[in-house]
Amino acid sequence: LTTKKTLNAKMRVKSNIFGPWQEEDLDHKVCVMYTPYIGDEKRDFVEYTSLGFLGSPHTMVTYTRCMDSILCVPLMIDAAIWCDYFVNRSVSAGDAARATAYLFKVPEGEAKGVDPGFFHQMKELEDVLKNTSGAEKEEDIIALGVSKGIITEEQAAALKGLGSK
């Protein structure tokens, strides 16, 4: 957040984090602060209060502390794997963008407008996978594993046996 561009990007993500839900009674506050001493480290304090047994308030607090860039690495790997998968199956850029929207805080481009709910985003991914032309059947994937030397014929037979149980 050392430049105006990065600060603006962060504020765009955080300023209306619950906006897509269009619920009026959400009580929330998101505060973004940058301290040069901390640098890339993320410190996150979340307090969530709900009504528990007999309407008694229950508050749960979590505190996270780690390098922000460390948090995004698994998402970057997932994005790379999905992109490779979609490119090798000639999936359109728009379908790939919608299918991977769950990986991004603020989906852009053709993924813009995808419902922000996780289960809705997973449905987008499932729909794209179902409609992927040339998608292999489970047996074809096993055969591909054998042909590439990833698994042996014996392992392939064992896998096929698991599917018939």
Protein backbone atom coordinates (compact mmCIF):
# COMPACT_ATOMS: atom_id res chain seq x y z
CA LEU A 1 0.00 0.00 0.00
CA THR A 2 2.94 2.27 -0.57
CA THR A 3 1.55 3.81 -3.76
CA LYS A 4 -1.75 5.51 -4.53
CA LYS A 5 -2.54 2.81 -7.12
CA THR A 6 -2.16 -0.08 -4.67
CA LEU A 7 -4.04 1.79 -1.94
CA ASN A 8 -6.93 2.51 -4.33
CA ALA A 9 -7.08 -1.15 -5.36
CA LYS A 10 -7.16 -2.31 -1.73
CA MET A 11 -9.83 0.23 -0.79
CA ARG A 12 -11.97 -0.80 -3.77
CA VAL A 13 -11.90 -4.39 -2.53
CA LYS A 14 -12.53 -3.56 1.11
CA SER A 15 -14.90 -0.59 0.94
CA ASN A 16 -18.01 -2.47 -0.07
CA ILE A 17 -17.19 -6.04 0.85
CA PHE A 18 -20.79 -6.96 1.70
CA GLY A 19 -22.43 -4.82 -1.01
CA PRO A 20 -23.27 -7.63 -3.42
CA TRP A 21 -25.51 -9.26 -0.82
CA GLN A 22 -27.83 -6.23 -0.90
CA GLU A 23 -28.95 -6.69 2.67
CA GLU A 24 -29.75 -3.59 4.65
CA ASP A 25 -29.31 -4.97 8.16
CA LEU A 26 -25.66 -6.06 7.87
CA ASP A 27 -23.66 -4.45 10.66
CA HIS A 28 -20.02 -4.38 9.69
CA LYS A 29 -16.91 -2.25 9.52
CA VAL A 30 -13.80 -2.90 7.49
CA CYS A 31 -10.71 -0.83 8.23
CA VAL A 32 -7.55 -0.90 6.13
CA MET A 33 -4.39 0.52 7.64
CA TYR A 34 -0.86 0.45 6.35
CA THR A 35 2.12 0.64 8.64
CA PRO A 36 5.54 0.64 6.94
CA TYR A 37 7.08 -1.22 9.88
CA ILE A 38 4.74 -4.19 9.29
CA GLY A 39 5.12 -4.12 5.49
CA ASP A 40 3.47 -7.09 3.76
CA GLU A 41 2.32 -8.70 7.00
CA LYS A 42 -1.40 -9.20 7.39
CA ARG A 43 -2.95 -8.72 10.78
CA ASP A 44 -6.59 -9.51 10.85
CA PHE A 45 -8.93 -9.20 13.83
CA VAL A 46 -12.44 -10.49 13.31
CA GLU A 47 -15.20 -10.32 15.87
CA TYR A 48 -18.44 -12.10 15.05
CA THR A 49 -21.46 -11.93 17.34
CA SER A 50 -24.57 -14.04 16.92
CA LEU A 51 -27.44 -15.13 19.10
CA GLY A 52 -26.89 -18.48 20.76
CA PHE A 53 -29.00 -20.66 23.03
CA LEU A 54 -32.06 -18.85 24.42
CA GLY A 55 -31.13 -15.74 22.48
CA SER A 56 -27.96 -15.20 24.48
CA PRO A 57 -25.25 -13.29 22.58
CA HIS A 58 -22.23 -15.33 21.55
CA THR A 59 -19.07 -13.58 20.37
CA MET A 60 -16.24 -15.30 18.57
CA VAL A 61 -12.94 -13.50 17.96
CA THR A 62 -10.11 -14.57 15.66
CA TYR A 63 -6.72 -13.01 15.15
CA THR A 64 -4.59 -13.83 12.10
CA ARG A 65 -1.02 -12.80 11.55
CA CYS A 66 1.04 -13.80 8.51
CA MET A 67 2.59 -12.48 5.33
CA ASP A 68 -0.19 -11.40 2.97
CA SER A 69 1.69 -12.74 -0.04
CA ILE A 70 1.86 -16.18 1.61
CA LEU A 71 -1.95 -16.29 1.74
CA CYS A 72 -2.33 -15.83 -2.01
CA VAL A 73 0.15 -18.48 -3.17
CA PRO A 74 -2.31 -21.42 -3.03
CA LEU A 75 -4.84 -19.33 -4.98
CA MET A 76 -2.20 -18.50 -7.59
CA ILE A 77 -1.37 -22.20 -7.98
CA ASP A 78 -5.06 -23.07 -8.32
CA ALA A 79 -5.52 -20.32 -10.93
CA ALA A 80 -2.55 -21.59 -12.94
CA ILE A 81 -3.79 -25.20 -12.85
CA TRP A 82 -7.33 -24.21 -13.87
CA CYS A 83 -6.05 -21.96 -16.67
CA ASP A 84 -3.91 -24.79 -18.00
CA TYR A 85 -6.87 -27.17 -17.81
CA PHE A 86 -9.19 -24.76 -19.63
CA VAL A 87 -6.66 -23.83 -22.32
CA ASN A 88 -6.00 -27.51 -23.10
CA ARG A 89 -9.72 -28.07 -23.53
CA SER A 90 -10.36 -24.94 -25.64
CA VAL A 91 -12.68 -23.37 -23.06
CA SER A 92 -13.51 -19.74 -23.88
CA ALA A 93 -11.85 -17.00 -21.85
CA GLY A 94 -15.26 -15.88 -20.59
CA ASP A 95 -16.20 -19.33 -19.31
CA ALA A 96 -12.76 -19.74 -17.72
CA ALA A 97 -13.11 -16.34 -16.02
CA ARG A 98 -16.53 -17.20 -14.59
CA ALA A 99 -15.32 -20.65 -13.49
CA THR A 100 -12.37 -19.19 -11.59
CA ALA A 101 -14.20 -16.20 -10.08
CA TYR A 102 -14.09 -17.86 -6.65
CA LEU A 103 -10.32 -17.34 -6.57
CA PHE A 104 -10.55 -13.55 -6.62
CA LYS A 105 -11.84 -10.94 -4.16
CA VAL A 106 -13.19 -8.75 -6.95
CA PRO A 107 -13.69 -10.71 -10.18
CA GLU A 108 -12.94 -8.57 -13.24
CA GLY A 109 -13.50 -8.85 -16.98
CA GLU A 110 -15.99 -11.49 -18.04
CA ALA A 111 -16.25 -12.74 -14.44
CA LYS A 112 -17.61 -9.38 -13.32
CA GLY A 113 -21.12 -9.84 -12.00
CA VAL A 114 -20.70 -13.46 -10.91
CA ASP A 115 -22.67 -13.88 -7.68
CA PRO A 116 -20.18 -13.42 -4.82
CA GLY A 117 -21.59 -16.32 -2.81
CA PHE A 118 -19.14 -19.22 -2.66
CA PHE A 119 -21.74 -21.87 -3.54
CA HIS A 120 -22.95 -19.82 -6.52
CA GLN A 121 -19.35 -19.49 -7.68
CA MET A 122 -18.81 -23.24 -7.30
CA LYS A 123 -21.93 -23.79 -9.42
CA GLU A 124 -20.34 -21.62 -12.15
CA LEU A 125 -17.23 -23.83 -12.02
CA GLU A 126 -19.31 -27.02 -12.11
CA ASP A 127 -21.36 -25.74 -15.06
CA VAL A 128 -18.24 -24.91 -17.07
CA LEU A 129 -16.72 -28.30 -16.27
CA LYS A 130 -19.91 -30.08 -17.36
CA ASN A 131 -19.98 -28.14 -20.63
CA THR A 132 -16.29 -28.55 -21.39
CA SER A 133 -15.95 -30.04 -24.84
CA GLY A 134 -13.66 -33.04 -25.01
CA ALA A 135 -13.92 -33.66 -21.28
CA GLU A 136 -12.58 -37.11 -20.59
CA LYS A 137 -14.55 -39.77 -18.85
CA GLU A 138 -13.10 -41.16 -15.65
CA GLU A 139 -11.76 -44.22 -17.49
CA ASP A 140 -10.07 -41.97 -20.07
CA ILE A 141 -8.30 -40.05 -17.31
CA ILE A 142 -6.99 -43.30 -15.87
CA ALA A 143 -5.82 -44.41 -19.34
CA LEU A 144 -4.16 -41.04 -19.82
CA GLY A 145 -2.33 -41.53 -16.49
CA VAL A 146 -1.01 -44.89 -17.71
CA SER A 147 0.02 -43.50 -21.12
CA LYS A 148 1.92 -40.63 -19.47
CA GLY A 149 3.67 -43.01 -17.05
CA ILE A 150 2.02 -41.42 -14.01
CA ILE A 151 0.47 -44.68 -12.85
CA THR A 152 1.06 -48.34 -13.71
CA GLU A 153 -1.39 -50.74 -15.37
CA GLU A 154 -1.85 -52.43 -11.97
CA GLN A 155 -2.70 -49.12 -10.32
CA ALA A 156 -5.13 -48.33 -13.15
CA ALA A 157 -6.88 -51.68 -12.66
CA ALA A 158 -7.12 -51.02 -8.92
CA LEU A 159 -8.61 -47.57 -9.54
CA LYS A 160 -11.16 -48.97 -11.98
CA GLY A 161 -12.02 -51.63 -9.40
CA LEU A 162 -12.71 -48.94 -6.80
CA GLY A 163 -15.19 -47.30 -9.16
CA SER A 164 -17.21 -50.49 -9.56
CA LYS A 165 -17.72 -51.01 -5.81
